[in-house]
Amino acid sequence: EGRGALVINISSDAAVNAYPGWGAYGASKAALAHLTAIWDEEAKADGIRLLAFDPGDMDTPLHALALPDADPSTLKHPEVAAAEIIERMLDALPVSTTTLAGTRG
């Protein structure tokens, strides 16, 4: 019964910026961002929200493979990005919602 939901899709600045060698990745993230916006509009009546979140450049194997000369100390750790995503989710939820992080409201 219409309790609503929140969907978080992980995006990237590669969705809007052209990076050589990242064509397929950038195109897929652009498509994801656009679909997220469309589905958010379509699902509003059912109380469902969809958000796209760009965690920024992270210290991951994919990033190291793509940019081997990047300084890992300047990159965000994935666990920091995960905490930011959870914070964004909690901000988007109704005030009186029970979450994995505890009870809000």
PDB file of N, CA and C in Angstrom:
ATOM      1  N   GLU A   1       0.850  -1.181   0.000  1.00  0.00           N
ATOM      2  CA  GLU A   1       0.000   0.000   0.000  1.00  0.00           C
ATOM      3  C   GLU A   1       0.887   1.231   0.000  1.00  0.00           C
ATOM      4  N   GLY A   2       0.685   2.177  -0.860  1.00  0.00           N
ATOM      5  CA  GLY A   2       1.425   3.393  -1.139  1.00  0.00           C
ATOM      6  C   GLY A   2       2.239   4.032  -0.037  1.00  0.00           C
ATOM      7  N   ARG A   3       3.229   3.338   0.507  1.00  0.00           N
ATOM      8  CA  ARG A   3       4.084   3.935   1.528  1.00  0.00           C
ATOM      9  C   ARG A   3       5.226   4.710   0.912  1.00  0.00           C
ATOM     10  N   GLY A   4       5.420   4.604  -0.370  1.00  0.00           N
ATOM     11  CA  GLY A   4       6.494   5.322  -1.037  1.00  0.00           C
ATOM     12  C   GLY A   4       7.804   4.572  -0.981  1.00  0.00           C
ATOM     13  N   ALA A   5       8.764   5.110  -1.701  1.00  0.00           N
ATOM     14  CA  ALA A   5      10.087   4.497  -1.753  1.00  0.00           C
ATOM     15  C   ALA A   5      11.084   5.523  -2.256  1.00  0.00           C
ATOM     16  N   LEU A   6      12.348   5.198  -2.077  1.00  0.00           N
ATOM     17  CA  LEU A   6      13.427   6.039  -2.569  1.00  0.00           C
ATOM     18  C   LEU A   6      14.421   5.152  -3.301  1.00  0.00           C
ATOM     19  N   VAL A   7      14.759   5.535  -4.532  1.00  0.00           N
ATOM     20  CA  VAL A   7      15.742   4.819  -5.338  1.00  0.00           C
ATOM     21  C   VAL A   7      16.909   5.764  -5.577  1.00  0.00           C
ATOM     22  N   ILE A   8      18.114   5.307  -5.257  1.00  0.00           N
ATOM     23  CA  ILE A   8      19.325   6.094  -5.506  1.00  0.00           C
ATOM     24  C   ILE A   8      20.100   5.414  -6.632  1.00  0.00           C
ATOM     25  N   ASN A   9      20.363   6.147  -7.690  1.00  0.00           N
ATOM     26  CA  ASN A   9      21.214   5.653  -8.773  1.00  0.00           C
ATOM     27  C   ASN A   9      22.555   6.369  -8.689  1.00  0.00           C
ATOM     28  N   ILE A  10      23.628   5.636  -8.861  1.00  0.00           N
ATOM     29  CA  ILE A  10      24.967   6.213  -8.773  1.00  0.00           C
ATOM     30  C   ILE A  10      25.363   6.748 -10.147  1.00  0.00           C
ATOM     31  N   SER A  11      25.604   8.047 -10.197  1.00  0.00           N
ATOM     32  CA  SER A  11      25.940   8.723 -11.436  1.00  0.00           C
ATOM     33  C   SER A  11      27.422   9.079 -11.460  1.00  0.00           C
ATOM     34  N   SER A  12      27.782   9.962 -12.356  1.00  0.00           N
ATOM     35  CA  SER A  12      29.170  10.371 -12.514  1.00  0.00           C
ATOM     36  C   SER A  12      29.204  11.668 -13.305  1.00  0.00           C
ATOM     37  N   ASP A  13      30.250  12.463 -13.090  1.00  0.00           N
ATOM     38  CA  ASP A  13      30.381  13.658 -13.919  1.00  0.00           C
ATOM     39  C   ASP A  13      30.683  13.276 -15.363  1.00  0.00           C
ATOM     40  N   ALA A  14      31.038  12.024 -15.599  1.00  0.00           N
ATOM     41  CA  ALA A  14      31.233  11.542 -16.965  1.00  0.00           C
ATOM     42  C   ALA A  14      29.919  11.545 -17.745  1.00  0.00           C
ATOM     43  N   ALA A  15      28.795  11.719 -17.058  1.00  0.00           N
ATOM     44  CA  ALA A  15      27.501  11.832 -17.727  1.00  0.00           C
ATOM     45  C   ALA A  15      27.386  13.149 -18.485  1.00  0.00           C
ATOM     46  N   VAL A  16      28.132  14.171 -18.054  1.00  0.00           N
ATOM     47  CA  VAL A  16      28.023  15.498 -18.678  1.00  0.00           C
ATOM     48  C   VAL A  16      29.348  16.039 -19.194  1.00  0.00           C
ATOM     49  N   ASN A  17      30.460  15.421 -18.819  1.00  0.00           N
ATOM     50  CA  ASN A  17      31.784  15.840 -19.280  1.00  0.00           C
ATOM     51  C   ASN A  17      32.385  14.744 -20.149  1.00  0.00           C
ATOM     52  N   ALA A  18      33.015  15.152 -21.245  1.00  0.00           N
ATOM     53  CA  ALA A  18      33.606  14.186 -22.176  1.00  0.00           C
ATOM     54  C   ALA A  18      35.035  13.857 -21.767  1.00  0.00           C
ATOM     55  N   TYR A  19      35.265  12.595 -21.415  1.00  0.00           N
ATOM     56  CA  TYR A  19      36.599  12.126 -21.054  1.00  0.00           C
ATOM     57  C   TYR A  19      37.068  11.115 -22.097  1.00  0.00           C
ATOM     58  N   PRO A  20      38.218  11.369 -22.741  1.00  0.00           N
ATOM     59  CA  PRO A  20      38.732  10.415 -23.726  1.00  0.00           C
ATOM     60  C   PRO A  20      38.890   9.020 -23.110  1.00  0.00           C
ATOM     61  N   GLY A  21      38.431   8.025 -23.843  1.00  0.00           N
ATOM     62  CA  GLY A  21      38.536   6.652 -23.372  1.00  0.00           C
ATOM     63  C   GLY A  21      37.394   6.213 -22.470  1.00  0.00           C
ATOM     64  N   TRP A  22      36.513   7.135 -22.118  1.00  0.00           N
ATOM     65  CA  TRP A  22      35.405   6.823 -21.220  1.00  0.00           C
ATOM     66  C   TRP A  22      34.057   6.891 -21.944  1.00  0.00           C
ATOM     67  N   GLY A  23      34.053   6.717 -23.268  1.00  0.00           N
ATOM     68  CA  GLY A  23      32.836   6.892 -24.053  1.00  0.00           C
ATOM     69  C   GLY A  23      31.658   6.051 -23.595  1.00  0.00           C
ATOM     70  N   ALA A  24      31.850   4.750 -23.503  1.00  0.00           N
ATOM     71  CA  ALA A  24      30.750   3.867 -23.111  1.00  0.00           C
ATOM     72  C   ALA A  24      30.303   4.157 -21.680  1.00  0.00           C
ATOM     73  N   TYR A  25      31.265   4.388 -20.798  1.00  0.00           N
ATOM     74  CA  TYR A  25      30.934   4.687 -19.401  1.00  0.00           C
ATOM     75  C   TYR A  25      30.137   5.988 -19.321  1.00  0.00           C
ATOM     76  N   GLY A  26      30.634   7.042 -19.991  1.00  0.00           N
ATOM     77  CA  GLY A  26      29.951   8.334 -19.957  1.00  0.00           C
ATOM     78  C   GLY A  26      28.561   8.268 -20.562  1.00  0.00           C
ATOM     79  N   ALA A  27      28.434   7.568 -21.684  1.00  0.00           N
ATOM     80  CA  ALA A  27      27.127   7.439 -22.326  1.00  0.00           C
ATOM     81  C   ALA A  27      26.148   6.688 -21.431  1.00  0.00           C
ATOM     82  N   SER A  28      26.623   5.642 -20.762  1.00  0.00           N
ATOM     83  CA  SER A  28      25.728   4.882 -19.883  1.00  0.00           C
ATOM     84  C   SER A  28      25.310   5.713 -18.675  1.00  0.00           C
ATOM     85  N   LYS A  29      26.225   6.528 -18.141  1.00  0.00           N
ATOM     86  CA  LYS A  29      25.875   7.381 -16.998  1.00  0.00           C
ATOM     87  C   LYS A  29      24.936   8.506 -17.422  1.00  0.00           C
ATOM     88  N   ALA A  30      25.105   9.032 -18.648  1.00  0.00           N
ATOM     89  CA  ALA A  30      24.182  10.049 -19.158  1.00  0.00           C
ATOM     90  C   ALA A  30      22.782   9.461 -19.314  1.00  0.00           C
ATOM     91  N   ALA A  31      22.716   8.248 -19.850  1.00  0.00           N
ATOM     92  CA  ALA A  31      21.423   7.578 -19.994  1.00  0.00           C
ATOM     93  C   ALA A  31      20.792   7.323 -18.630  1.00  0.00           C
ATOM     94  N   LEU A  32      21.595   6.882 -17.679  1.00  0.00           N
ATOM     95  CA  LEU A  32      21.079   6.633 -16.333  1.00  0.00           C
ATOM     96  C   LEU A  32      20.535   7.916 -15.707  1.00  0.00           C
ATOM     97  N   ALA A  33      21.258   9.018 -15.858  1.00  0.00           N
ATOM     98  CA  ALA A  33      20.804  10.292 -15.291  1.00  0.00           C
ATOM     99  C   ALA A  33      19.470  10.709 -15.906  1.00  0.00           C
ATOM    100  N   HIS A  34      19.346  10.556 -17.214  1.00  0.00           N
ATOM    101  CA  HIS A  34      18.110  10.952 -17.880  1.00  0.00           C
ATOM    102  C   HIS A  34      16.951  10.028 -17.492  1.00  0.00           C
ATOM    103  N   LEU A  35      17.197   8.735 -17.464  1.00  0.00           N
ATOM    104  CA  LEU A  35      16.153   7.802 -17.038  1.00  0.00           C
ATOM    105  C   LEU A  35      15.725   8.066 -15.600  1.00  0.00           C
ATOM    106  N   THR A  36      16.689   8.381 -14.742  1.00  0.00           N
ATOM    107  CA  THR A  36      16.363   8.686 -13.349  1.00  0.00           C
ATOM    108  C   THR A  36      15.419   9.877 -13.277  1.00  0.00           C
ATOM    109  N   ALA A  37      15.705  10.928 -14.043  1.00  0.00           N
ATOM    110  CA  ALA A  37      14.847  12.115 -14.049  1.00  0.00           C
ATOM    111  C   ALA A  37      13.449  11.787 -14.581  1.00  0.00           C
ATOM    112  N   ILE A  38      13.385  11.000 -15.643  1.00  0.00           N
ATOM    113  CA  ILE A  38      12.085  10.619 -16.209  1.00  0.00           C
ATOM    114  C   ILE A  38      11.297   9.769 -15.222  1.00  0.00           C
ATOM    115  N   TRP A  39      11.950   8.734 -14.682  1.00  0.00           N
ATOM    116  CA  TRP A  39      11.253   7.846 -13.749  1.00  0.00           C
ATOM    117  C   TRP A  39      10.838   8.576 -12.478  1.00  0.00           C
ATOM    118  N   ASP A  40      11.622   9.562 -12.047  1.00  0.00           N
ATOM    119  CA  ASP A  40      11.239  10.348 -10.876  1.00  0.00           C
ATOM    120  C   ASP A  40       9.920  11.071 -11.146  1.00  0.00           C
ATOM    121  N   GLU A  41       9.797  11.662 -12.326  1.00  0.00           N
ATOM    122  CA  GLU A  41       8.544  12.343 -12.685  1.00  0.00           C
ATOM    123  C   GLU A  41       7.389  11.351 -12.771  1.00  0.00           C
ATOM    124  N   GLU A  42       7.629  10.210 -13.393  1.00  0.00           N
ATOM    125  CA  GLU A  42       6.566   9.225 -13.585  1.00  0.00           C
ATOM    126  C   GLU A  42       6.115   8.581 -12.279  1.00  0.00           C
ATOM    127  N   ALA A  43       6.998   8.463 -11.317  1.00  0.00           N
ATOM    128  CA  ALA A  43       6.687   7.729 -10.087  1.00  0.00           C
ATOM    129  C   ALA A  43       6.181   8.615  -8.952  1.00  0.00           C
ATOM    130  N   LYS A  44       6.190   9.932  -9.139  1.00  0.00           N
ATOM    131  CA  LYS A  44       5.783  10.841  -8.060  1.00  0.00           C
ATOM    132  C   LYS A  44       4.400  10.524  -7.513  1.00  0.00           C
ATOM    133  N   ALA A  45       3.462  10.228  -8.400  1.00  0.00           N
ATOM    134  CA  ALA A  45       2.089   9.964  -7.964  1.00  0.00           C
ATOM    135  C   ALA A  45       2.005   8.761  -7.036  1.00  0.00           C
ATOM    136  N   ASP A  46       2.958   7.855  -7.131  1.00  0.00           N
ATOM    137  CA  ASP A  46       2.984   6.667  -6.275  1.00  0.00           C
ATOM    138  C   ASP A  46       3.847   6.866  -5.038  1.00  0.00           C
ATOM    139  N   GLY A  47       4.334   8.091  -4.834  1.00  0.00           N
ATOM    140  CA  GLY A  47       5.157   8.367  -3.658  1.00  0.00           C
ATOM    141  C   GLY A  47       6.567   7.819  -3.763  1.00  0.00           C
ATOM    142  N   ILE A  48       7.029   7.578  -4.983  1.00  0.00           N
ATOM    143  CA  ILE A  48       8.373   7.036  -5.189  1.00  0.00           C
ATOM    144  C   ILE A  48       9.279   8.149  -5.694  1.00  0.00           C
ATOM    145  N   ARG A  49      10.427   8.301  -5.061  1.00  0.00           N
ATOM    146  CA  ARG A  49      11.430   9.290  -5.476  1.00  0.00           C
ATOM    147  C   ARG A  49      12.621   8.566  -6.065  1.00  0.00           C
ATOM    148  N   LEU A  50      13.179   9.131  -7.107  1.00  0.00           N
ATOM    149  CA  LEU A  50      14.419   8.622  -7.697  1.00  0.00           C
ATOM    150  C   LEU A  50      15.424   9.756  -7.743  1.00  0.00           C
ATOM    151  N   LEU A  51      16.621   9.490  -7.264  1.00  0.00           N
ATOM    152  CA  LEU A  51      17.684  10.486  -7.246  1.00  0.00           C
ATOM    153  C   LEU A  51      18.934   9.900  -7.884  1.00  0.00           C
ATOM    154  N   ALA A  52      19.683  10.747  -8.570  1.00  0.00           N
ATOM    155  CA  ALA A  52      20.995  10.351  -9.087  1.00  0.00           C
ATOM    156  C   ALA A  52      22.040  11.051  -8.231  1.00  0.00           C
ATOM    157  N   PHE A  53      23.043  10.323  -7.803  1.00  0.00           N
ATOM    158  CA  PHE A  53      24.077  10.867  -6.925  1.00  0.00           C
ATOM    159  C   PHE A  53      25.439  10.621  -7.554  1.00  0.00           C
ATOM    160  N   ASP A  54      26.210  11.688  -7.713  1.00  0.00           N
ATOM    161  CA  ASP A  54      27.578  11.590  -8.224  1.00  0.00           C
ATOM    162  C   ASP A  54      28.518  11.649  -7.032  1.00  0.00           C
ATOM    163  N   PRO A  55      29.152  10.538  -6.677  1.00  0.00           N
ATOM    164  CA  PRO A  55      30.022  10.531  -5.500  1.00  0.00           C
ATOM    165  C   PRO A  55      31.367  11.216  -5.717  1.00  0.00           C
ATOM    166  N   GLY A  56      31.678  11.597  -6.952  1.00  0.00           N
ATOM    167  CA  GLY A  56      32.967  12.224  -7.225  1.00  0.00           C
ATOM    168  C   GLY A  56      34.044  11.185  -7.496  1.00  0.00           C
ATOM    169  N   ASP A  57      35.245  11.671  -7.750  1.00  0.00           N
ATOM    170  CA  ASP A  57      36.363  10.769  -8.038  1.00  0.00           C
ATOM    171  C   ASP A  57      36.733   9.985  -6.785  1.00  0.00           C
ATOM    172  N   MET A  58      36.820   8.666  -6.941  1.00  0.00           N
ATOM    173  CA  MET A  58      37.109   7.813  -5.792  1.00  0.00           C
ATOM    174  C   MET A  58      38.334   6.950  -6.047  1.00  0.00           C
ATOM    175  N   ASP A  59      38.943   6.535  -4.978  1.00  0.00           N
ATOM    176  CA  ASP A  59      40.109   5.657  -5.014  1.00  0.00           C
ATOM    177  C   ASP A  59      39.629   4.223  -5.210  1.00  0.00           C
ATOM    178  N   THR A  60      39.397   3.868  -6.470  1.00  0.00           N
ATOM    179  CA  THR A  60      38.909   2.532  -6.812  1.00  0.00           C
ATOM    180  C   THR A  60      39.801   1.921  -7.893  1.00  0.00           C
ATOM    181  N   PRO A  61      39.726   0.615  -8.076  1.00  0.00           N
ATOM    182  CA  PRO A  61      40.501  -0.019  -9.146  1.00  0.00           C
ATOM    183  C   PRO A  61      40.162   0.542 -10.537  1.00  0.00           C
ATOM    184  N   LEU A  62      38.886   0.861 -10.787  1.00  0.00           N
ATOM    185  CA  LEU A  62      38.501   1.418 -12.083  1.00  0.00           C
ATOM    186  C   LEU A  62      39.183   2.764 -12.316  1.00  0.00           C
ATOM    187  N   HIS A  63      39.178   3.613 -11.294  1.00  0.00           N
ATOM    188  CA  HIS A  63      39.812   4.925 -11.418  1.00  0.00           C
ATOM    189  C   HIS A  63      41.313   4.765 -11.643  1.00  0.00           C
ATOM    190  N   ALA A  64      41.940   3.856 -10.914  1.00  0.00           N
ATOM    191  CA  ALA A  64      43.384   3.627 -11.065  1.00  0.00           C
ATOM    192  C   ALA A  64      43.722   3.103 -12.459  1.00  0.00           C
ATOM    193  N   LEU A  65      42.858   2.263 -13.003  1.00  0.00           N
ATOM    194  CA  LEU A  65      43.072   1.740 -14.349  1.00  0.00           C
ATOM    195  C   LEU A  65      42.939   2.848 -15.394  1.00  0.00           C
ATOM    196  N   ALA A  66      41.937   3.699 -15.204  1.00  0.00           N
ATOM    197  CA  ALA A  66      41.686   4.765 -16.175  1.00  0.00           C
ATOM    198  C   ALA A  66      42.697   5.899 -16.067  1.00  0.00           C
ATOM    199  N   LEU A  67      43.102   6.211 -14.846  1.00  0.00           N
ATOM    200  CA  LEU A  67      44.023   7.326 -14.603  1.00  0.00           C
ATOM    201  C   LEU A  67      45.163   6.860 -13.709  1.00  0.00           C
ATOM    202  N   PRO A  68      46.086   6.083 -14.246  1.00  0.00           N
ATOM    203  CA  PRO A  68      47.142   5.493 -13.419  1.00  0.00           C
ATOM    204  C   PRO A  68      48.069   6.517 -12.760  1.00  0.00           C
ATOM    205  N   ASP A  69      48.146   7.730 -13.292  1.00  0.00           N
ATOM    206  CA  ASP A  69      49.020   8.748 -12.707  1.00  0.00           C
ATOM    207  C   ASP A  69      48.334   9.581 -11.626  1.00  0.00           C
ATOM    208  N   ALA A  70      47.047   9.332 -11.371  1.00  0.00           N
ATOM    209  CA  ALA A  70      46.323  10.098 -10.351  1.00  0.00           C
ATOM    210  C   ALA A  70      46.882   9.787  -8.969  1.00  0.00           C
ATOM    211  N   ASP A  71      46.929  10.793  -8.132  1.00  0.00           N
ATOM    212  CA  ASP A  71      47.410  10.641  -6.757  1.00  0.00           C
ATOM    213  C   ASP A  71      46.259  10.121  -5.896  1.00  0.00           C
ATOM    214  N   PRO A  72      46.318   8.879  -5.426  1.00  0.00           N
ATOM    215  CA  PRO A  72      45.224   8.312  -4.633  1.00  0.00           C
ATOM    216  C   PRO A  72      44.902   9.114  -3.374  1.00  0.00           C
ATOM    217  N   SER A  73      45.889   9.846  -2.852  1.00  0.00           N
ATOM    218  CA  SER A  73      45.633  10.615  -1.627  1.00  0.00           C
ATOM    219  C   SER A  73      44.687  11.789  -1.876  1.00  0.00           C
ATOM    220  N   THR A  74      44.471  12.145  -3.142  1.00  0.00           N
ATOM    221  CA  THR A  74      43.553  13.243  -3.461  1.00  0.00           C
ATOM    222  C   THR A  74      42.151  12.739  -3.769  1.00  0.00           C
ATOM    223  N   LEU A  75      41.970  11.424  -3.739  1.00  0.00           N
ATOM    224  CA  LEU A  75      40.692  10.823  -4.111  1.00  0.00           C
ATOM    225  C   LEU A  75      39.895  10.414  -2.878  1.00  0.00           C
ATOM    226  N   LYS A  76      38.598  10.462  -3.020  1.00  0.00           N
ATOM    227  CA  LYS A  76      37.686  10.075  -1.945  1.00  0.00           C
ATOM    228  C   LYS A  76      37.710   8.563  -1.776  1.00  0.00           C
ATOM    229  N   HIS A  77      37.653   8.112  -0.542  1.00  0.00           N
ATOM    230  CA  HIS A  77      37.552   6.679  -0.272  1.00  0.00           C
ATOM    231  C   HIS A  77      36.091   6.246  -0.442  1.00  0.00           C
ATOM    232  N   PRO A  78      35.853   5.056  -0.983  1.00  0.00           N
ATOM    233  CA  PRO A  78      34.484   4.601  -1.213  1.00  0.00           C
ATOM    234  C   PRO A  78      33.603   4.631   0.037  1.00  0.00           C
ATOM    235  N   GLU A  79      34.177   4.349   1.214  1.00  0.00           N
ATOM    236  CA  GLU A  79      33.344   4.363   2.427  1.00  0.00           C
ATOM    237  C   GLU A  79      32.864   5.773   2.761  1.00  0.00           C
ATOM    238  N   VAL A  80      33.630   6.786   2.395  1.00  0.00           N
ATOM    239  CA  VAL A  80      33.198   8.179   2.588  1.00  0.00           C
ATOM    240  C   VAL A  80      32.035   8.481   1.643  1.00  0.00           C
ATOM    241  N   ALA A  81      32.167   8.045   0.402  1.00  0.00           N
ATOM    242  CA  ALA A  81      31.085   8.239  -0.565  1.00  0.00           C
ATOM    243  C   ALA A  81      29.821   7.517  -0.113  1.00  0.00           C
ATOM    244  N   ALA A  82      29.969   6.313   0.429  1.00  0.00           N
ATOM    245  CA  ALA A  82      28.807   5.561   0.916  1.00  0.00           C
ATOM    246  C   ALA A  82      28.105   6.315   2.036  1.00  0.00           C
ATOM    247  N   ALA A  83      28.867   6.906   2.945  1.00  0.00           N
ATOM    248  CA  ALA A  83      28.272   7.690   4.034  1.00  0.00           C
ATOM    249  C   ALA A  83      27.525   8.899   3.480  1.00  0.00           C
ATOM    250  N   GLU A  84      28.081   9.530   2.450  1.00  0.00           N
ATOM    251  CA  GLU A  84      27.409  10.677   1.832  1.00  0.00           C
ATOM    252  C   GLU A  84      26.106  10.253   1.157  1.00  0.00           C
ATOM    253  N   ILE A  85      26.112   9.088   0.538  1.00  0.00           N
ATOM    254  CA  ILE A  85      24.899   8.584  -0.101  1.00  0.00           C
ATOM    255  C   ILE A  85      23.833   8.314   0.946  1.00  0.00           C
ATOM    256  N   ILE A  86      24.212   7.709   2.054  1.00  0.00           N
ATOM    257  CA  ILE A  86      23.250   7.448   3.133  1.00  0.00           C
ATOM    258  C   ILE A  86      22.698   8.760   3.673  1.00  0.00           C
ATOM    259  N   GLU A  87      23.553   9.752   3.851  1.00  0.00           N
ATOM    260  CA  GLU A  87      23.091  11.063   4.324  1.00  0.00           C
ATOM    261  C   GLU A  87      22.087  11.667   3.343  1.00  0.00           C
ATOM    262  N   ARG A  88      22.388  11.574   2.055  1.00  0.00           N
ATOM    263  CA  ARG A  88      21.472  12.095   1.036  1.00  0.00           C
ATOM    264  C   ARG A  88      20.141  11.358   1.082  1.00  0.00           C
ATOM    265  N   MET A  89      20.191  10.040   1.280  1.00  0.00           N
ATOM    266  CA  MET A  89      18.969   9.251   1.373  1.00  0.00           C
ATOM    267  C   MET A  89      18.136   9.690   2.566  1.00  0.00           C
ATOM    268  N   LEU A  90      18.774   9.853   3.710  1.00  0.00           N
ATOM    269  CA  LEU A  90      18.051  10.259   4.910  1.00  0.00           C
ATOM    270  C   LEU A  90      17.439  11.638   4.740  1.00  0.00           C
ATOM    271  N   ASP A  91      18.139  12.537   4.058  1.00  0.00           N
ATOM    272  CA  ASP A  91      17.602  13.874   3.807  1.00  0.00           C
ATOM    273  C   ASP A  91      16.376  13.824   2.905  1.00  0.00           C
ATOM    274  N   ALA A  92      16.314  12.844   2.012  1.00  0.00           N
ATOM    275  CA  ALA A  92      15.222  12.752   1.046  1.00  0.00           C
ATOM    276  C   ALA A  92      13.999  12.025   1.590  1.00  0.00           C
ATOM    277  N   LEU A  93      14.164  11.311   2.709  1.00  0.00           N
ATOM    278  CA  LEU A  93      13.052  10.538   3.264  1.00  0.00           C
ATOM    279  C   LEU A  93      12.122  11.418   4.085  1.00  0.00           C
ATOM    280  N   PRO A  94      10.855  11.014   4.176  1.00  0.00           N
ATOM    281  CA  PRO A  94       9.938  11.729   5.066  1.00  0.00           C
ATOM    282  C   PRO A  94      10.464  11.699   6.497  1.00  0.00           C
ATOM    283  N   VAL A  95      10.068  12.669   7.287  1.00  0.00           N
ATOM    284  CA  VAL A  95      10.592  12.818   8.649  1.00  0.00           C
ATOM    285  C   VAL A  95      10.315  11.607   9.515  1.00  0.00           C
ATOM    286  N   SER A  96       9.148  11.005   9.421  1.00  0.00           N
ATOM    287  CA  SER A  96       8.815   9.881  10.299  1.00  0.00           C
ATOM    288  C   SER A  96       8.973   8.552   9.566  1.00  0.00           C
ATOM    289  N   THR A  97      10.180   8.245   9.171  1.00  0.00           N
ATOM    290  CA  THR A  97      10.461   7.004   8.449  1.00  0.00           C
ATOM    291  C   THR A  97      11.511   6.208   9.201  1.00  0.00           C
ATOM    292  N   THR A  98      11.270   4.921   9.372  1.00  0.00           N
ATOM    293  CA  THR A  98      12.273   4.047   9.966  1.00  0.00           C
ATOM    294  C   THR A  98      13.257   3.656   8.873  1.00  0.00           C
ATOM    295  N   THR A  99      14.537   3.762   9.184  1.00  0.00           N
ATOM    296  CA  THR A  99      15.568   3.475   8.192  1.00  0.00           C
ATOM    297  C   THR A  99      16.566   2.486   8.764  1.00  0.00           C
ATOM    298  N   LEU A 100      17.479   2.037   7.937  1.00  0.00           N
ATOM    299  CA  LEU A 100      18.537   1.150   8.410  1.00  0.00           C
ATOM    300  C   LEU A 100      19.413   1.844   9.440  1.00  0.00           C
ATOM    301  N   ALA A 101      19.480   3.154   9.378  1.00  0.00           N
ATOM    302  CA  ALA A 101      20.319   3.906  10.305  1.00  0.00           C
ATOM    303  C   ALA A 101      19.591   4.206  11.612  1.00  0.00           C
ATOM    304  N   GLY A 102      18.358   3.782  11.740  1.00  0.00           N
ATOM    305  CA  GLY A 102      17.606   4.053  12.961  1.00  0.00           C
ATOM    306  C   GLY A 102      16.279   4.706  12.621  1.00  0.00           C
ATOM    307  N   THR A 103      15.679   5.332  13.592  1.00  0.00           N
ATOM    308  CA  THR A 103      14.385   5.965  13.389  1.00  0.00           C
ATOM    309  C   THR A 103      14.552   7.467  13.283  1.00  0.00           C
ATOM    310  N   ARG A 104      13.947   8.019  12.264  1.00  0.00           N
ATOM    311  CA  ARG A 104      13.945   9.473  12.089  1.00  0.00           C
ATOM    312  C   ARG A 104      12.598  10.002  12.544  1.00  0.00           C
ATOM    313  N   GLY A 105      12.628  11.195  13.092  1.00  0.00           N
ATOM    314  CA  GLY A 105      11.382  11.878  13.389  1.00  0.00           C
ATOM    315  C   GLY A 105      10.929  11.791  14.792  1.00  0.00           C
TER     316      GLY A 105
END
